Amino acid sequence: MKHKDIKFSIIVPAYNIQDYIEKCINSILAQDYNNFEVIIVNDGSTDNCEKICNKYVKKDDRVKYIYKENGGLSSARNKGMEIAKGDYIWFVDGDDYIKETTLSILADSIKKNVNNSDIIWFKNYIDRDNKITKNNIFRREEDICKQYILNQTSAWNKVFKRELLVKNNFEFPLGIIYEDLAVLPSLCIYTDKILFLDEYLYYYVVRTNSIMHIKKFKPNRDDKFIAIDKILNIFKKQRSFKKYEDELEFLCIKHLLVTYSTEILKYNSNIYKPRIIKAVNYIKNTFPNYGKNKYFIKEPFITRFFCKCLNKKKYIICRTILQIARILKRID
């Protein structure tokens, strides 16, 4: 595949993000690399998304627009994949944006590593109220597949060869909000041609009214258990569980004991107590010796102490730790 022949399909789901979608699309169209298509999937928006998107369709023939009834992020991404024609697929969230040199950097990297580029993975910035910081949470591992599992499971910081997705009938699961966690780590079962770029190419925008930052508790946060179940079952079905057991164990610790518990501890005890007990029991039943996990024991003391307090139902201490941790920014 020659450099000039590499085509990217950028799939942009859009749902009631009229205040953000223009910045996202503009950042894509401003790329200094031109061989790409933008597939905007309007997932039943009730705001002005359709009007805004149609403006770009008329202005640039690289922009394609699909309207569908609301079905969630997974269904929007899956619909975009159905019509994508590029060599590589990138899922860019419609409220985020990218650097103008991103596609040229990706294309150059693919050209240099043509036999090692089924998945290209990179770092990101965080845009919180227009304050830009680097997301420096990163775990290194010599084995690229293990490193891929250990780190951020998001779709937007990776570009996937379309052939890899098509060949393995890849799709995002419907009806849950942790769709990336549920399936993306499993792609390393089907390929070890994963290229990591130590570059910041994507701007992740933190919105206080987004699904993941909503203040009122919603039961769909419990989808975390469904996602964990699904990803573990995929590895077991493909007979790859033992090979990556340490990494999967750490994934569960991170997403259930640390992230999930952190998310729900801010609510009242009727909400967080039964859920934390469920999370702790899930880990104990699945990985009885999780406390000795080789990645977990290298985590900061405050993270390990937090998990120990969860195990002992010392929830007041846990809430205090979170207040301290948010100041120190040591729990991710």
Protein backbone atom coordinates (compact mmCIF):
# COMPACT_ATOMS: atom_id res chain seq x y z
CA MET A 1 0.00 0.00 0.00
CA LYS A 2 1.56 3.27 -1.09
CA HIS A 3 1.40 6.32 1.11
CA LYS A 4 -0.77 8.30 -1.29
CA ASP A 5 -3.22 5.39 -1.58
CA ILE A 6 -4.04 5.17 2.15
CA LYS A 7 -7.61 6.27 2.69
CA PHE A 8 -9.17 6.94 6.08
CA SER A 9 -12.85 6.59 6.93
CA ILE A 10 -13.63 8.87 9.87
CA ILE A 11 -16.93 7.91 11.50
CA VAL A 12 -18.48 10.69 13.58
CA PRO A 13 -21.58 9.83 15.65
CA ALA A 14 -23.71 12.85 16.47
CA TYR A 15 -26.46 13.10 19.07
CA ASN A 16 -27.64 16.51 20.31
CA ILE A 17 -24.20 18.11 20.14
CA GLN A 18 -25.02 21.18 18.06
CA ASP A 19 -22.62 23.27 20.15
CA TYR A 20 -19.67 20.98 19.41
CA ILE A 21 -20.14 19.25 16.05
CA GLU A 22 -18.87 22.15 13.90
CA LYS A 23 -15.55 22.32 15.72
CA CYS A 24 -15.17 18.57 15.29
CA ILE A 25 -15.92 18.55 11.55
CA ASN A 26 -13.83 21.66 10.91
CA SER A 27 -10.83 20.04 12.57
CA ILE A 28 -11.18 17.03 10.25
CA LEU A 29 -11.64 19.04 7.08
CA ALA A 30 -8.61 21.18 8.02
CA GLN A 31 -6.27 18.18 7.77
CA ASP A 32 -3.09 18.60 5.72
CA TYR A 33 -3.75 15.10 4.35
CA ASN A 34 -6.66 14.85 1.94
CA ASN A 35 -7.40 11.19 1.27
CA PHE A 36 -10.26 10.59 3.66
CA GLU A 37 -14.04 10.45 3.98
CA VAL A 38 -16.11 11.74 6.88
CA ILE A 39 -19.20 9.69 7.71
CA ILE A 40 -21.47 11.62 10.07
CA VAL A 41 -24.14 9.44 11.66
CA ASN A 42 -26.94 11.45 13.22
CA ASP A 43 -28.35 9.18 15.91
CA GLY A 44 -31.81 10.77 16.08
CA SER A 45 -30.77 14.22 17.30
CA THR A 46 -33.55 16.61 18.27
CA ASP A 47 -31.44 19.76 18.03
CA ASN A 48 -29.88 21.47 14.98
CA CYS A 49 -27.32 18.74 14.24
CA GLU A 50 -28.99 17.77 10.96
CA LYS A 51 -29.00 21.33 9.64
CA ILE A 52 -25.36 21.82 10.58
CA CYS A 53 -24.23 18.50 9.07
CA ASN A 54 -26.09 19.06 5.79
CA LYS A 55 -24.21 22.33 5.41
CA TYR A 56 -20.95 20.40 5.29
CA VAL A 57 -22.33 17.80 2.87
CA LYS A 58 -23.08 20.58 0.38
CA LYS A 59 -19.68 22.19 0.91
CA ASP A 60 -17.35 19.14 0.73
CA ASP A 61 -17.94 15.93 -1.22
CA ARG A 62 -15.79 13.99 1.26
CA VAL A 63 -18.56 14.39 3.83
CA LYS A 64 -21.31 11.76 3.94
CA TYR A 65 -24.36 12.07 6.17
CA ILE A 66 -26.68 9.40 7.57
CA TYR A 67 -29.75 9.93 9.71
CA LYS A 68 -31.06 7.08 11.85
CA GLU A 69 -33.46 6.63 14.72
CA ASN A 70 -31.83 6.95 18.12
CA GLY A 71 -30.11 3.72 19.09
CA GLY A 72 -27.04 4.80 20.99
CA LEU A 73 -23.36 5.27 20.24
CA SER A 74 -22.74 1.64 19.30
CA SER A 75 -25.50 1.55 16.70
CA ALA A 76 -24.25 4.82 15.18
CA ARG A 77 -20.69 3.52 14.89
CA ASN A 78 -21.90 0.21 13.46
CA LYS A 79 -23.99 2.03 10.85
CA GLY A 80 -20.96 4.07 9.84
CA MET A 81 -18.87 0.93 9.43
CA GLU A 82 -21.44 -0.47 7.00
CA ILE A 83 -20.66 2.17 4.39
CA ALA A 84 -17.01 2.94 5.19
CA LYS A 85 -14.73 2.47 2.16
CA GLY A 86 -11.36 3.50 3.60
CA ASP A 87 -8.34 1.35 4.30
CA TYR A 88 -8.47 2.48 7.92
CA ILE A 89 -11.41 3.38 10.17
CA TRP A 90 -11.31 5.96 12.91
CA PHE A 91 -14.16 6.59 15.36
CA VAL A 92 -14.06 10.28 16.29
CA ASP A 93 -16.65 11.40 18.84
CA GLY A 94 -18.65 14.36 17.58
CA ASP A 95 -17.88 16.57 20.57
CA ASP A 96 -14.11 16.09 20.30
CA TYR A 97 -11.59 17.33 17.71
CA ILE A 98 -8.20 16.47 16.21
CA LYS A 99 -4.89 18.12 15.31
CA GLU A 100 -4.56 19.31 11.71
CA THR A 101 -1.51 17.09 11.17
CA THR A 102 -3.05 13.93 12.61
CA LEU A 103 -3.85 12.09 9.37
CA SER A 104 -0.49 12.88 7.76
CA ILE A 105 1.29 11.59 10.89
CA LEU A 106 -0.82 8.42 10.79
CA ALA A 107 -0.26 7.92 7.06
CA ASP A 108 3.51 8.40 7.44
CA SER A 109 3.59 5.90 10.29
CA ILE A 110 1.64 3.34 8.28
CA LYS A 111 4.00 3.78 5.34
CA LYS A 112 7.04 3.19 7.56
CA ASN A 113 5.45 0.22 9.34
CA VAL A 114 3.35 -1.27 6.58
CA ASN A 115 3.56 -4.80 8.01
CA ASN A 116 2.80 -3.74 11.57
CA SER A 117 -0.23 -1.52 11.30
CA ASP A 118 -3.55 -3.29 11.84
CA ILE A 119 -4.13 -0.98 14.80
CA ILE A 120 -2.44 2.38 15.30
CA TRP A 121 -2.78 3.75 18.78
CA PHE A 122 -1.78 7.17 20.15
CA LYS A 123 -2.06 9.57 23.07
CA ASN A 124 -4.54 12.37 23.64
CA TYR A 125 -5.07 15.78 25.15
CA ILE A 126 -7.90 16.59 27.56
CA ASP A 127 -9.91 19.75 26.94
CA ARG A 128 -11.70 20.71 30.13
CA ASP A 129 -13.38 24.11 29.83
CA ASN A 130 -10.79 25.09 27.19
CA LYS A 131 -7.92 24.21 29.50
CA ILE A 132 -5.72 21.77 27.58
CA THR A 133 -3.71 19.14 29.45
CA LYS A 134 -1.94 15.96 28.37
CA ASN A 135 -3.39 12.61 29.39
CA ASN A 136 -0.21 11.09 30.73
CA ILE A 137 -1.68 7.92 32.23
CA PHE A 138 0.28 5.18 30.51
CA ARG A 139 1.43 1.67 31.40
CA ARG A 140 4.38 0.20 29.52
CA GLU A 141 4.85 -3.46 28.70
CA GLU A 142 7.32 -5.06 26.30
CA ASP A 143 4.62 -7.20 24.68
CA ILE A 144 2.59 -4.80 22.51
CA CYS A 145 -0.63 -6.83 22.91
CA LYS A 146 -0.35 -6.76 26.70
CA GLN A 147 0.36 -3.04 26.57
CA TYR A 148 -2.70 -2.59 24.35
CA ILE A 149 -4.96 -4.32 26.92
CA LEU A 150 -3.50 -2.45 29.90
CA ASN A 151 -4.05 1.02 28.56
CA GLN A 152 -7.03 3.18 27.62
CA THR A 153 -9.79 1.10 26.03
CA SER A 154 -11.39 4.01 24.12
CA ALA A 155 -12.06 3.75 20.38
CA TRP A 156 -11.20 7.35 19.56
CA ASN A 157 -7.46 7.07 20.30
CA LYS A 158 -6.99 4.25 17.79
CA VAL A 159 -7.20 3.75 14.03
CA PHE A 160 -8.19 0.30 12.81
CA LYS A 161 -7.50 -1.40 9.50
CA ARG A 162 -10.94 -1.96 8.00
CA GLU A 163 -9.93 -5.42 6.80
CA LEU A 164 -9.25 -6.47 10.42
CA LEU A 165 -12.73 -5.37 11.52
CA VAL A 166 -14.54 -6.88 8.54
CA LYS A 167 -12.67 -10.20 8.66
CA ASN A 168 -13.58 -10.70 12.32
CA ASN A 169 -17.18 -9.44 12.03
CA PHE A 170 -16.41 -6.71 14.53
CA GLU A 171 -19.21 -4.58 15.90
CA PHE A 172 -19.93 -2.60 19.03
CA PRO A 173 -22.49 -4.13 21.43
CA LEU A 174 -25.87 -2.45 21.53
CA GLY A 175 -27.66 -1.18 24.62
CA ILE A 176 -24.72 -0.51 26.97
CA ILE A 177 -22.61 2.57 27.63
CA TYR A 178 -19.23 0.88 28.09
CA GLU A 179 -19.13 -0.47 24.56
CA ASP A 180 -15.39 0.14 24.06
CA LEU A 181 -14.38 -1.81 27.15
CA ALA A 182 -16.67 -4.68 26.11
CA VAL A 183 -14.90 -5.45 22.82
CA LEU A 184 -11.84 -3.39 21.92
CA PRO A 185 -9.25 -5.19 24.12
CA SER A 186 -10.13 -8.44 22.34
CA LEU A 187 -8.78 -7.24 18.99
CA CYS A 188 -5.29 -8.25 20.12
CA ILE A 189 -6.49 -11.87 19.89
CA TYR A 190 -6.77 -11.48 16.12
CA THR A 191 -3.63 -9.46 15.44
CA ASP A 192 -0.35 -8.52 17.05
CA LYS A 193 0.30 -5.91 14.38
CA ILE A 194 -0.29 -3.02 16.72
CA LEU A 195 1.67 0.20 16.38
CA PHE A 196 1.92 2.64 19.27
CA LEU A 197 2.70 6.28 18.45
CA ASP A 198 4.03 8.32 21.34
CA GLU A 199 2.25 11.41 20.03
CA TYR A 200 -0.73 13.48 21.16
CA LEU A 201 -3.13 13.58 18.21
CA TYR A 202 -6.62 13.85 19.70
CA TYR A 203 -8.49 16.33 21.90
CA TYR A 204 -10.96 14.67 24.27
CA VAL A 205 -13.51 17.23 25.47
CA VAL A 206 -14.86 16.79 28.99
CA ARG A 207 -18.50 17.86 29.11
CA THR A 208 -20.25 18.06 32.47
CA ASN A 209 -23.57 17.10 30.83
CA SER A 210 -22.23 14.06 28.98
CA ILE A 211 -23.31 10.48 29.73
CA MET A 212 -20.13 9.80 31.67
CA HIS A 213 -20.28 12.99 33.76
CA ILE A 214 -23.97 13.29 34.61
CA LYS A 215 -24.66 14.21 38.26
CA LYS A 216 -27.86 12.22 38.80
CA PHE A 217 -27.23 8.49 39.15
CA LYS A 218 -28.35 6.39 36.23
CA PRO A 219 -28.59 2.59 36.48
CA ASN A 220 -26.78 2.19 33.15
CA ARG A 221 -23.54 2.75 35.04
CA ASP A 222 -24.01 -0.88 36.05
CA ASP A 223 -23.35 -1.75 32.40
CA LYS A 224 -19.75 -1.94 33.55
CA PHE A 225 -20.44 -5.50 34.75
CA ILE A 226 -21.95 -6.44 31.38
CA ALA A 227 -18.93 -5.03 29.57
CA ILE A 228 -16.47 -6.88 31.82
CA ASP A 229 -18.43 -10.11 31.41
CA LYS A 230 -18.41 -9.75 27.65
CA ILE A 231 -14.70 -9.04 27.26
CA LEU A 232 -13.68 -11.90 29.58
CA ASN A 233 -15.99 -14.30 27.75
CA ILE A 234 -14.50 -13.34 24.39
CA PHE A 235 -11.00 -14.17 25.62
CA LYS A 236 -12.23 -17.45 27.10
CA LYS A 237 -14.11 -18.40 23.94
CA GLN A 238 -11.03 -17.70 21.83
CA ARG A 239 -8.85 -19.64 24.29
CA SER A 240 -6.72 -16.60 25.03
CA PHE A 241 -7.73 -16.01 28.65
CA LYS A 242 -4.72 -17.73 30.22
CA LYS A 243 -2.29 -15.97 27.91
CA TYR A 244 -3.54 -12.56 29.05
CA GLU A 245 -4.86 -13.41 32.51
CA ASP A 246 -2.65 -10.91 34.35
CA GLU A 247 -3.69 -8.10 32.02
CA LEU A 248 -7.39 -8.99 32.16
CA GLU A 249 -7.22 -9.24 35.93
CA PHE A 250 -5.76 -5.75 36.10
CA LEU A 251 -8.40 -4.50 33.66
CA CYS A 252 -11.10 -5.72 36.06
CA ILE A 253 -9.39 -4.17 39.07
CA LYS A 254 -9.04 -0.86 37.27
CA HIS A 255 -12.56 -0.67 35.87
CA LEU A 256 -14.55 -2.19 38.74
CA LEU A 257 -12.65 -1.45 41.95
CA VAL A 258 -11.12 1.88 40.95
CA THR A 259 -13.12 3.60 38.21
CA TYR A 260 -16.61 2.21 38.84
CA SER A 261 -16.37 2.55 42.62
CA THR A 262 -15.02 6.08 42.26
CA GLU A 263 -17.96 6.99 40.02
CA ILE A 264 -20.66 5.75 42.41
CA LEU A 265 -19.20 6.67 45.82
CA LYS A 266 -20.41 10.23 45.36
CA TYR A 267 -24.03 9.06 45.56
CA ASN A 268 -25.94 8.00 48.68
CA SER A 269 -25.18 4.78 50.51
CA ASN A 270 -28.30 3.01 49.18
CA ILE A 271 -26.76 3.35 45.73
CA TYR A 272 -23.08 2.73 46.32
CA LYS A 273 -23.01 0.08 49.06
CA PRO A 274 -24.69 -2.84 47.23
CA ARG A 275 -22.84 -2.00 44.03
CA ILE A 276 -19.42 -1.86 45.62
CA ILE A 277 -20.10 -5.14 47.41
CA LYS A 278 -21.06 -6.62 44.04
CA ALA A 279 -17.88 -5.27 42.43
CA VAL A 280 -15.64 -6.63 45.20
CA ASN A 281 -17.32 -10.04 45.08
CA TYR A 282 -17.05 -10.13 41.30
CA ILE A 283 -13.30 -9.59 41.49
CA LYS A 284 -12.86 -12.10 44.33
CA ASN A 285 -14.83 -14.79 42.50
CA THR A 286 -13.11 -14.22 39.16
CA PHE A 287 -9.59 -13.51 40.39
CA PRO A 288 -9.20 -14.75 43.99
CA ASN A 289 -5.59 -13.53 44.23
CA TYR A 290 -6.13 -10.15 42.59
CA GLY A 291 -4.23 -8.34 45.37
CA LYS A 292 -1.02 -9.93 44.07
CA ASN A 293 -1.54 -8.88 40.47
CA LYS A 294 1.84 -7.82 39.05
CA TYR A 295 0.47 -4.55 37.68
CA PHE A 296 -1.71 -3.72 40.66
CA ILE A 297 1.17 -3.99 43.15
CA LYS A 298 2.98 -1.29 41.16
CA GLU A 299 0.06 1.13 41.44
CA PRO A 300 0.38 4.14 43.77
CA PHE A 301 -0.10 3.34 47.44
CA ILE A 302 -3.24 5.46 47.62
CA THR A 303 -4.89 3.38 44.88
CA ARG A 304 -4.03 0.09 46.57
CA PHE A 305 -5.15 1.40 49.97
CA PHE A 306 -8.41 2.60 48.44
CA CYS A 307 -9.13 -0.89 47.08
CA LYS A 308 -8.23 -2.47 50.42
CA CYS A 309 -10.70 -0.19 52.19
CA LEU A 310 -13.39 -1.11 49.67
CA ASN A 311 -12.78 -4.76 50.45
CA LYS A 312 -13.20 -4.07 54.18
CA LYS A 313 -16.30 -1.87 53.61
CA LYS A 314 -14.55 1.20 55.02
CA TYR A 315 -16.57 3.51 52.80
CA ILE A 316 -16.09 6.70 54.79
CA ILE A 317 -12.34 6.27 54.48
CA CYS A 318 -12.78 5.59 50.76
CA ARG A 319 -14.72 8.82 50.26
CA THR A 320 -12.01 10.72 52.13
CA ILE A 321 -9.34 9.11 49.98
CA LEU A 322 -11.19 10.22 46.86
CA GLN A 323 -11.23 13.81 48.05
CA ILE A 324 -7.48 13.65 48.61
CA ALA A 325 -6.88 11.78 45.36
CA ARG A 326 -8.75 14.35 43.29
CA ILE A 327 -6.42 16.97 44.68
CA LEU A 328 -3.32 14.88 44.09
CA LYS A 329 -4.69 13.51 40.78
CA ARG A 330 -3.23 10.13 41.50
CA ILE A 331 -6.25 7.88 40.97
CA ASP A 332 -7.23 7.61 37.28
